[in-house]
Amino acid sequence: MVLIGELARRTGVSTRLLRYYEEQELLVPHRDANGYRRYAEDALAAVEQIRAFLNAGLTTRAIRELLPCLCERGMRHCDHSRAVMDEGLDRLEQQIAALTEKRDLLAEQVDEVASRPFRPGPDPR
């Protein structure tokens, strides 16, 4: 069992973020009589997996749904974990499509401005 400061040091994740993971029900520490958080040794791997999922674009809600499928060797395949990750991929594809559309619209504006000859006008000040 390790205290929150030790887990933060070993994972490179701030104590504030570890408390947020607890609020989001991604980590469940044991509480000492004095209220100190103590984490099991497997919390290190759990934090690393949480970070990997977040970096891959999953939401904390999706990660919370995946946690039961985690084991010490990583993700176990189950229909639910596949559905959650597919949903995450679909959401990212939608975001990519929306960003691509915005980029294309801005590129059109840039091309339009670039095609106009420069004519100095009155000083706007």
N, C-alpha and C. Protein backbone atom coordinates (compact mmCIF):
# COMPACT_ATOMS: atom_id res chain seq x y z
N MET A 1 0.85 -1.18 0.00
CA MET A 1 0.00 0.00 0.00
C MET A 1 0.89 1.25 0.00
N VAL A 2 0.52 2.22 -0.82
CA VAL A 2 1.29 3.46 -0.91
C VAL A 2 0.38 4.65 -0.68
N LEU A 3 0.94 5.70 -0.11
CA LEU A 3 0.20 6.94 0.09
C LEU A 3 0.09 7.68 -1.24
N ILE A 4 -0.81 8.63 -1.28
CA ILE A 4 -1.08 9.36 -2.52
C ILE A 4 0.17 10.07 -3.05
N GLY A 5 0.99 10.62 -2.16
CA GLY A 5 2.21 11.30 -2.59
C GLY A 5 3.19 10.35 -3.27
N GLU A 6 3.30 9.15 -2.73
CA GLU A 6 4.18 8.14 -3.32
C GLU A 6 3.65 7.69 -4.67
N LEU A 7 2.33 7.50 -4.78
CA LEU A 7 1.74 7.11 -6.06
C LEU A 7 1.95 8.22 -7.09
N ALA A 8 1.80 9.46 -6.67
CA ALA A 8 2.02 10.59 -7.57
C ALA A 8 3.47 10.60 -8.05
N ARG A 9 4.40 10.38 -7.14
CA ARG A 9 5.82 10.39 -7.51
C ARG A 9 6.13 9.26 -8.47
N ARG A 10 5.60 8.08 -8.21
CA ARG A 10 5.91 6.90 -9.02
C ARG A 10 5.24 6.94 -10.40
N THR A 11 4.12 7.63 -10.51
CA THR A 11 3.41 7.67 -11.80
C THR A 11 3.64 8.96 -12.57
N GLY A 12 4.14 10.00 -11.88
CA GLY A 12 4.29 11.29 -12.53
C GLY A 12 2.97 12.04 -12.67
N VAL A 13 1.95 11.58 -11.97
CA VAL A 13 0.63 12.21 -12.00
C VAL A 13 0.45 12.97 -10.70
N SER A 14 -0.03 14.20 -10.78
CA SER A 14 -0.16 15.03 -9.58
C SER A 14 -1.19 14.44 -8.60
N THR A 15 -1.03 14.77 -7.34
CA THR A 15 -2.00 14.32 -6.33
C THR A 15 -3.39 14.88 -6.63
N ARG A 16 -3.43 16.08 -7.15
CA ARG A 16 -4.72 16.69 -7.51
C ARG A 16 -5.43 15.84 -8.57
N LEU A 17 -4.66 15.38 -9.56
CA LEU A 17 -5.24 14.56 -10.62
C LEU A 17 -5.64 13.18 -10.08
N LEU A 18 -4.86 12.63 -9.17
CA LEU A 18 -5.24 11.36 -8.56
C LEU A 18 -6.54 11.49 -7.77
N ARG A 19 -6.72 12.61 -7.08
CA ARG A 19 -7.99 12.85 -6.37
C ARG A 19 -9.14 12.98 -7.37
N TYR A 20 -8.88 13.62 -8.53
CA TYR A 20 -9.90 13.72 -9.57
C TYR A 20 -10.27 12.33 -10.07
N TYR A 21 -9.29 11.46 -10.31
CA TYR A 21 -9.57 10.09 -10.72
C TYR A 21 -10.45 9.39 -9.69
N GLU A 22 -10.19 9.67 -8.41
CA GLU A 22 -11.01 9.10 -7.35
C GLU A 22 -12.45 9.63 -7.45
N GLU A 23 -12.60 10.94 -7.65
CA GLU A 23 -13.94 11.54 -7.81
C GLU A 23 -14.69 10.92 -8.98
N GLN A 24 -13.96 10.59 -10.05
CA GLN A 24 -14.56 10.01 -11.24
C GLN A 24 -14.73 8.49 -11.13
N GLU A 25 -14.39 7.95 -9.97
CA GLU A 25 -14.50 6.51 -9.66
C GLU A 25 -13.59 5.66 -10.56
N LEU A 26 -12.44 6.23 -10.89
CA LEU A 26 -11.45 5.49 -11.67
C LEU A 26 -10.44 4.81 -10.76
N LEU A 27 -10.22 5.38 -9.60
CA LEU A 27 -9.34 4.82 -8.57
C LEU A 27 -10.12 4.76 -7.26
N VAL A 28 -9.90 3.69 -6.51
CA VAL A 28 -10.57 3.58 -5.21
C VAL A 28 -9.50 3.30 -4.15
N PRO A 29 -9.10 4.33 -3.42
CA PRO A 29 -8.10 4.11 -2.37
C PRO A 29 -8.75 3.55 -1.11
N HIS A 30 -7.92 2.96 -0.30
CA HIS A 30 -8.35 2.57 1.04
C HIS A 30 -8.10 3.79 1.92
N ARG A 31 -8.92 3.98 2.94
CA ARG A 31 -8.75 5.12 3.83
C ARG A 31 -8.28 4.62 5.19
N ASP A 32 -7.20 5.24 5.70
CA ASP A 32 -6.74 4.96 7.06
C ASP A 32 -7.70 5.61 8.05
N ALA A 33 -7.55 5.27 9.30
CA ALA A 33 -8.38 5.86 10.35
C ALA A 33 -8.23 7.38 10.37
N ASN A 34 -7.04 7.87 9.99
CA ASN A 34 -6.80 9.31 9.98
C ASN A 34 -7.26 9.96 8.67
N GLY A 35 -7.84 9.18 7.75
CA GLY A 35 -8.35 9.72 6.49
C GLY A 35 -7.36 9.70 5.34
N TYR A 36 -6.12 9.29 5.61
CA TYR A 36 -5.12 9.25 4.54
C TYR A 36 -5.53 8.22 3.49
N ARG A 37 -5.26 8.54 2.25
CA ARG A 37 -5.52 7.61 1.15
C ARG A 37 -4.33 6.66 1.02
N ARG A 38 -4.64 5.39 0.92
CA ARG A 38 -3.61 4.38 0.64
C ARG A 38 -4.07 3.58 -0.57
N TYR A 39 -3.15 3.40 -1.50
CA TYR A 39 -3.45 2.71 -2.73
C TYR A 39 -2.73 1.37 -2.77
N ALA A 40 -3.40 0.38 -3.32
CA ALA A 40 -2.79 -0.94 -3.50
C ALA A 40 -1.69 -0.83 -4.54
N GLU A 41 -0.79 -1.78 -4.55
CA GLU A 41 0.33 -1.76 -5.50
C GLU A 41 -0.15 -1.78 -6.95
N ASP A 42 -1.30 -2.37 -7.22
CA ASP A 42 -1.78 -2.41 -8.60
C ASP A 42 -2.31 -1.06 -9.08
N ALA A 43 -2.38 -0.07 -8.19
CA ALA A 43 -2.84 1.26 -8.57
C ALA A 43 -1.87 1.90 -9.56
N LEU A 44 -0.60 1.57 -9.48
CA LEU A 44 0.40 2.11 -10.41
C LEU A 44 0.02 1.72 -11.84
N ALA A 45 -0.27 0.45 -12.06
CA ALA A 45 -0.66 -0.01 -13.40
C ALA A 45 -2.00 0.59 -13.81
N ALA A 46 -2.91 0.74 -12.84
CA ALA A 46 -4.22 1.32 -13.15
C ALA A 46 -4.07 2.77 -13.61
N VAL A 47 -3.23 3.54 -12.93
CA VAL A 47 -3.02 4.94 -13.32
C VAL A 47 -2.40 5.01 -14.71
N GLU A 48 -1.43 4.15 -14.99
CA GLU A 48 -0.81 4.13 -16.31
C GLU A 48 -1.85 3.80 -17.39
N GLN A 49 -2.76 2.87 -17.12
CA GLN A 49 -3.79 2.50 -18.09
C GLN A 49 -4.79 3.64 -18.25
N ILE A 50 -5.16 4.29 -17.15
CA ILE A 50 -6.06 5.45 -17.21
C ILE A 50 -5.46 6.53 -18.09
N ARG A 51 -4.17 6.83 -17.88
CA ARG A 51 -3.49 7.85 -18.68
C ARG A 51 -3.46 7.45 -20.17
N ALA A 52 -3.22 6.19 -20.44
CA ALA A 52 -3.18 5.72 -21.83
C ALA A 52 -4.56 5.89 -22.48
N PHE A 53 -5.61 5.55 -21.76
CA PHE A 53 -6.97 5.71 -22.30
C PHE A 53 -7.30 7.19 -22.51
N LEU A 54 -6.93 8.03 -21.56
CA LEU A 54 -7.19 9.47 -21.71
C LEU A 54 -6.42 10.03 -22.90
N ASN A 55 -5.16 9.64 -23.03
CA ASN A 55 -4.35 10.09 -24.17
C ASN A 55 -4.92 9.62 -25.50
N ALA A 56 -5.61 8.48 -25.49
CA ALA A 56 -6.22 7.95 -26.70
C ALA A 56 -7.56 8.61 -27.00
N GLY A 57 -8.01 9.50 -26.10
CA GLY A 57 -9.22 10.25 -26.37
C GLY A 57 -10.48 9.73 -25.71
N LEU A 58 -10.36 8.72 -24.85
CA LEU A 58 -11.55 8.23 -24.17
C LEU A 58 -11.95 9.17 -23.04
N THR A 59 -13.22 9.21 -22.75
CA THR A 59 -13.72 10.02 -21.64
C THR A 59 -13.57 9.24 -20.34
N THR A 60 -13.65 9.95 -19.23
CA THR A 60 -13.57 9.27 -17.93
C THR A 60 -14.76 8.33 -17.76
N ARG A 61 -15.92 8.69 -18.32
CA ARG A 61 -17.09 7.80 -18.26
C ARG A 61 -16.78 6.48 -18.96
N ALA A 62 -16.20 6.56 -20.15
CA ALA A 62 -15.86 5.35 -20.90
C ALA A 62 -14.81 4.53 -20.16
N ILE A 63 -13.83 5.20 -19.60
CA ILE A 63 -12.77 4.50 -18.85
C ILE A 63 -13.37 3.77 -17.66
N ARG A 64 -14.29 4.43 -16.96
CA ARG A 64 -14.95 3.81 -15.81
C ARG A 64 -15.66 2.52 -16.25
N GLU A 65 -16.25 2.52 -17.45
CA GLU A 65 -16.91 1.32 -17.96
C GLU A 65 -15.92 0.21 -18.32
N LEU A 66 -14.70 0.62 -18.69
CA LEU A 66 -13.69 -0.36 -19.09
C LEU A 66 -12.96 -0.99 -17.90
N LEU A 67 -12.93 -0.32 -16.78
CA LEU A 67 -12.13 -0.79 -15.65
C LEU A 67 -12.42 -2.23 -15.23
N PRO A 68 -13.68 -2.68 -15.25
CA PRO A 68 -13.90 -4.09 -14.88
C PRO A 68 -13.23 -5.08 -15.84
N CYS A 69 -12.90 -4.65 -17.04
CA CYS A 69 -12.27 -5.53 -18.03
C CYS A 69 -10.75 -5.53 -17.92
N LEU A 70 -10.20 -4.71 -17.04
CA LEU A 70 -8.74 -4.65 -16.88
C LEU A 70 -8.26 -5.78 -15.98
N CYS A 71 -7.11 -6.31 -16.30
CA CYS A 71 -6.43 -7.26 -15.43
C CYS A 71 -4.97 -6.86 -15.38
N GLU A 72 -4.16 -7.57 -14.65
CA GLU A 72 -2.76 -7.17 -14.48
C GLU A 72 -1.98 -7.17 -15.80
N ARG A 73 -2.47 -7.87 -16.82
CA ARG A 73 -1.79 -7.90 -18.12
C ARG A 73 -2.42 -6.95 -19.12
N GLY A 74 -3.34 -6.09 -18.70
CA GLY A 74 -3.98 -5.14 -19.61
C GLY A 74 -5.45 -5.44 -19.78
N MET A 75 -5.97 -5.12 -20.95
CA MET A 75 -7.39 -5.31 -21.23
C MET A 75 -7.68 -6.75 -21.59
N ARG A 76 -8.74 -7.29 -21.00
CA ARG A 76 -9.28 -8.57 -21.46
C ARG A 76 -10.35 -8.25 -22.48
N HIS A 77 -10.46 -9.08 -23.48
CA HIS A 77 -11.50 -8.84 -24.49
C HIS A 77 -12.85 -9.25 -23.93
N CYS A 78 -13.81 -8.37 -24.10
CA CYS A 78 -15.20 -8.71 -23.85
C CYS A 78 -16.03 -7.82 -24.75
N ASP A 79 -17.25 -8.24 -25.03
CA ASP A 79 -18.09 -7.49 -25.96
C ASP A 79 -18.29 -6.06 -25.48
N HIS A 80 -18.44 -5.88 -24.18
CA HIS A 80 -18.68 -4.54 -23.65
C HIS A 80 -17.47 -3.64 -23.86
N SER A 81 -16.26 -4.15 -23.59
CA SER A 81 -15.06 -3.32 -23.76
C SER A 81 -14.91 -2.93 -25.23
N ARG A 82 -15.21 -3.85 -26.13
CA ARG A 82 -15.11 -3.55 -27.56
C ARG A 82 -16.12 -2.48 -27.96
N ALA A 83 -17.32 -2.56 -27.42
CA ALA A 83 -18.36 -1.57 -27.74
C ALA A 83 -17.97 -0.19 -27.22
N VAL A 84 -17.41 -0.13 -26.02
CA VAL A 84 -17.01 1.16 -25.44
C VAL A 84 -15.88 1.77 -26.27
N MET A 85 -14.90 0.97 -26.66
CA MET A 85 -13.79 1.50 -27.45
C MET A 85 -14.23 1.87 -28.86
N ASP A 86 -15.15 1.09 -29.45
CA ASP A 86 -15.69 1.45 -30.76
C ASP A 86 -16.43 2.78 -30.69
N GLU A 87 -17.18 2.99 -29.62
CA GLU A 87 -17.88 4.26 -29.42
C GLU A 87 -16.89 5.42 -29.33
N GLY A 88 -15.77 5.19 -28.63
CA GLY A 88 -14.73 6.21 -28.55
C GLY A 88 -14.12 6.51 -29.91
N LEU A 89 -13.89 5.48 -30.70
CA LEU A 89 -13.36 5.68 -32.06
C LEU A 89 -14.35 6.46 -32.92
N ASP A 90 -15.63 6.12 -32.81
CA ASP A 90 -16.65 6.84 -33.58
C ASP A 90 -16.68 8.32 -33.21
N ARG A 91 -16.57 8.60 -31.91
CA ARG A 91 -16.57 10.00 -31.45
C ARG A 91 -15.37 10.74 -32.00
N LEU A 92 -14.21 10.10 -31.99
CA LEU A 92 -13.00 10.73 -32.54
C LEU A 92 -13.13 10.96 -34.04
N GLU A 93 -13.70 10.01 -34.76
CA GLU A 93 -13.91 10.17 -36.20
C GLU A 93 -14.82 11.37 -36.48
N GLN A 94 -15.86 11.54 -35.67
CA GLN A 94 -16.76 12.69 -35.82
C GLN A 94 -16.01 13.99 -35.56
N GLN A 95 -15.16 14.01 -34.54
CA GLN A 95 -14.38 15.21 -34.23
C GLN A 95 -13.40 15.52 -35.36
N ILE A 96 -12.78 14.48 -35.90
CA ILE A 96 -11.84 14.68 -37.01
C ILE A 96 -12.57 15.25 -38.22
N ALA A 97 -13.76 14.71 -38.51
CA ALA A 97 -14.54 15.21 -39.65
C ALA A 97 -14.92 16.67 -39.44
N ALA A 98 -15.33 17.03 -38.23
CA ALA A 98 -15.71 18.41 -37.94
C ALA A 98 -14.51 19.34 -38.07
N LEU A 99 -13.36 18.91 -37.57
CA LEU A 99 -12.14 19.73 -37.67
C LEU A 99 -11.69 19.85 -39.13
N THR A 100 -11.81 18.79 -39.89
CA THR A 100 -11.44 18.83 -41.31
C THR A 100 -12.32 19.83 -42.04
N GLU A 101 -13.62 19.83 -41.74
CA GLU A 101 -14.53 20.78 -42.36
C GLU A 101 -14.15 22.22 -42.00
N LYS A 102 -13.83 22.46 -40.74
CA LYS A 102 -13.42 23.80 -40.31
C LYS A 102 -12.12 24.22 -41.00
N ARG A 103 -11.17 23.28 -41.10
CA ARG A 103 -9.91 23.59 -41.76
C ARG A 103 -10.15 23.96 -43.22
N ASP A 104 -11.00 23.20 -43.88
CA ASP A 104 -11.29 23.48 -45.29
C ASP A 104 -11.96 24.84 -45.46
N LEU A 105 -12.88 25.18 -44.57
CA LEU A 105 -13.54 26.49 -44.64
C LEU A 105 -12.53 27.62 -44.42
N LEU A 106 -11.64 27.44 -43.46
CA LEU A 106 -10.63 28.47 -43.22
C LEU A 106 -9.66 28.57 -44.40
N ALA A 107 -9.29 27.43 -44.99
CA ALA A 107 -8.40 27.45 -46.15
C ALA A 107 -9.04 28.20 -47.31
N GLU A 108 -10.35 28.04 -47.48
CA GLU A 108 -11.06 28.79 -48.52
C GLU A 108 -10.97 30.30 -48.26
N GLN A 109 -11.12 30.68 -47.00
CA GLN A 109 -11.03 32.10 -46.64
C GLN A 109 -9.62 32.62 -46.91
N VAL A 110 -8.62 31.85 -46.57
CA VAL A 110 -7.23 32.25 -46.82
C VAL A 110 -7.00 32.42 -48.32
N ASP A 111 -7.48 31.47 -49.11
CA ASP A 111 -7.31 31.56 -50.57
C ASP A 111 -8.03 32.79 -51.12
N GLU A 112 -9.22 33.05 -50.60
CA GLU A 112 -9.99 34.21 -51.06
C GLU A 112 -9.26 35.51 -50.75
N VAL A 113 -8.74 35.63 -49.56
CA VAL A 113 -8.01 36.84 -49.17
C VAL A 113 -6.73 36.96 -49.99
N ALA A 114 -6.05 35.85 -50.19
CA ALA A 114 -4.79 35.88 -50.94
C ALA A 114 -5.00 36.26 -52.40
N SER A 115 -6.19 36.00 -52.94
CA SER A 115 -6.44 36.31 -54.35
C SER A 115 -6.80 37.77 -54.57
N ARG A 116 -7.09 38.50 -53.52
CA ARG A 116 -7.41 39.93 -53.66
C ARG A 116 -6.12 40.73 -53.67
N PRO A 117 -6.00 41.67 -54.58
CA PRO A 117 -4.79 42.50 -54.57
C PRO A 117 -4.80 43.41 -53.34
N PHE A 118 -3.60 43.69 -52.87
CA PHE A 118 -3.47 44.58 -51.71
C PHE A 118 -3.66 46.04 -52.16
N ARG A 119 -4.56 46.72 -51.50
CA ARG A 119 -4.77 48.14 -51.75
C ARG A 119 -4.73 48.83 -50.40
N PRO A 120 -3.70 49.63 -50.18
CA PRO A 120 -3.62 50.31 -48.89
C PRO A 120 -4.81 51.25 -48.72
N GLY A 121 -5.38 51.20 -47.56
CA GLY A 121 -6.51 52.07 -47.26
C GLY A 121 -6.15 53.05 -46.18
N PRO A 122 -7.14 53.72 -45.63
CA PRO A 122 -6.84 54.67 -44.55
C PRO A 122 -6.33 53.94 -43.32
N ASP A 123 -5.50 54.63 -42.57
CA ASP A 123 -4.95 54.07 -41.33
C ASP A 123 -6.12 53.84 -40.37
N PRO A 124 -6.32 52.60 -39.89
CA PRO A 124 -7.48 52.30 -39.03
C PRO A 124 -7.37 52.90 -37.63
N ARG A 125 -6.25 53.53 -37.30
CA ARG A 125 -6.11 54.09 -35.94
C ARG A 125 -6.82 55.35 -35.80
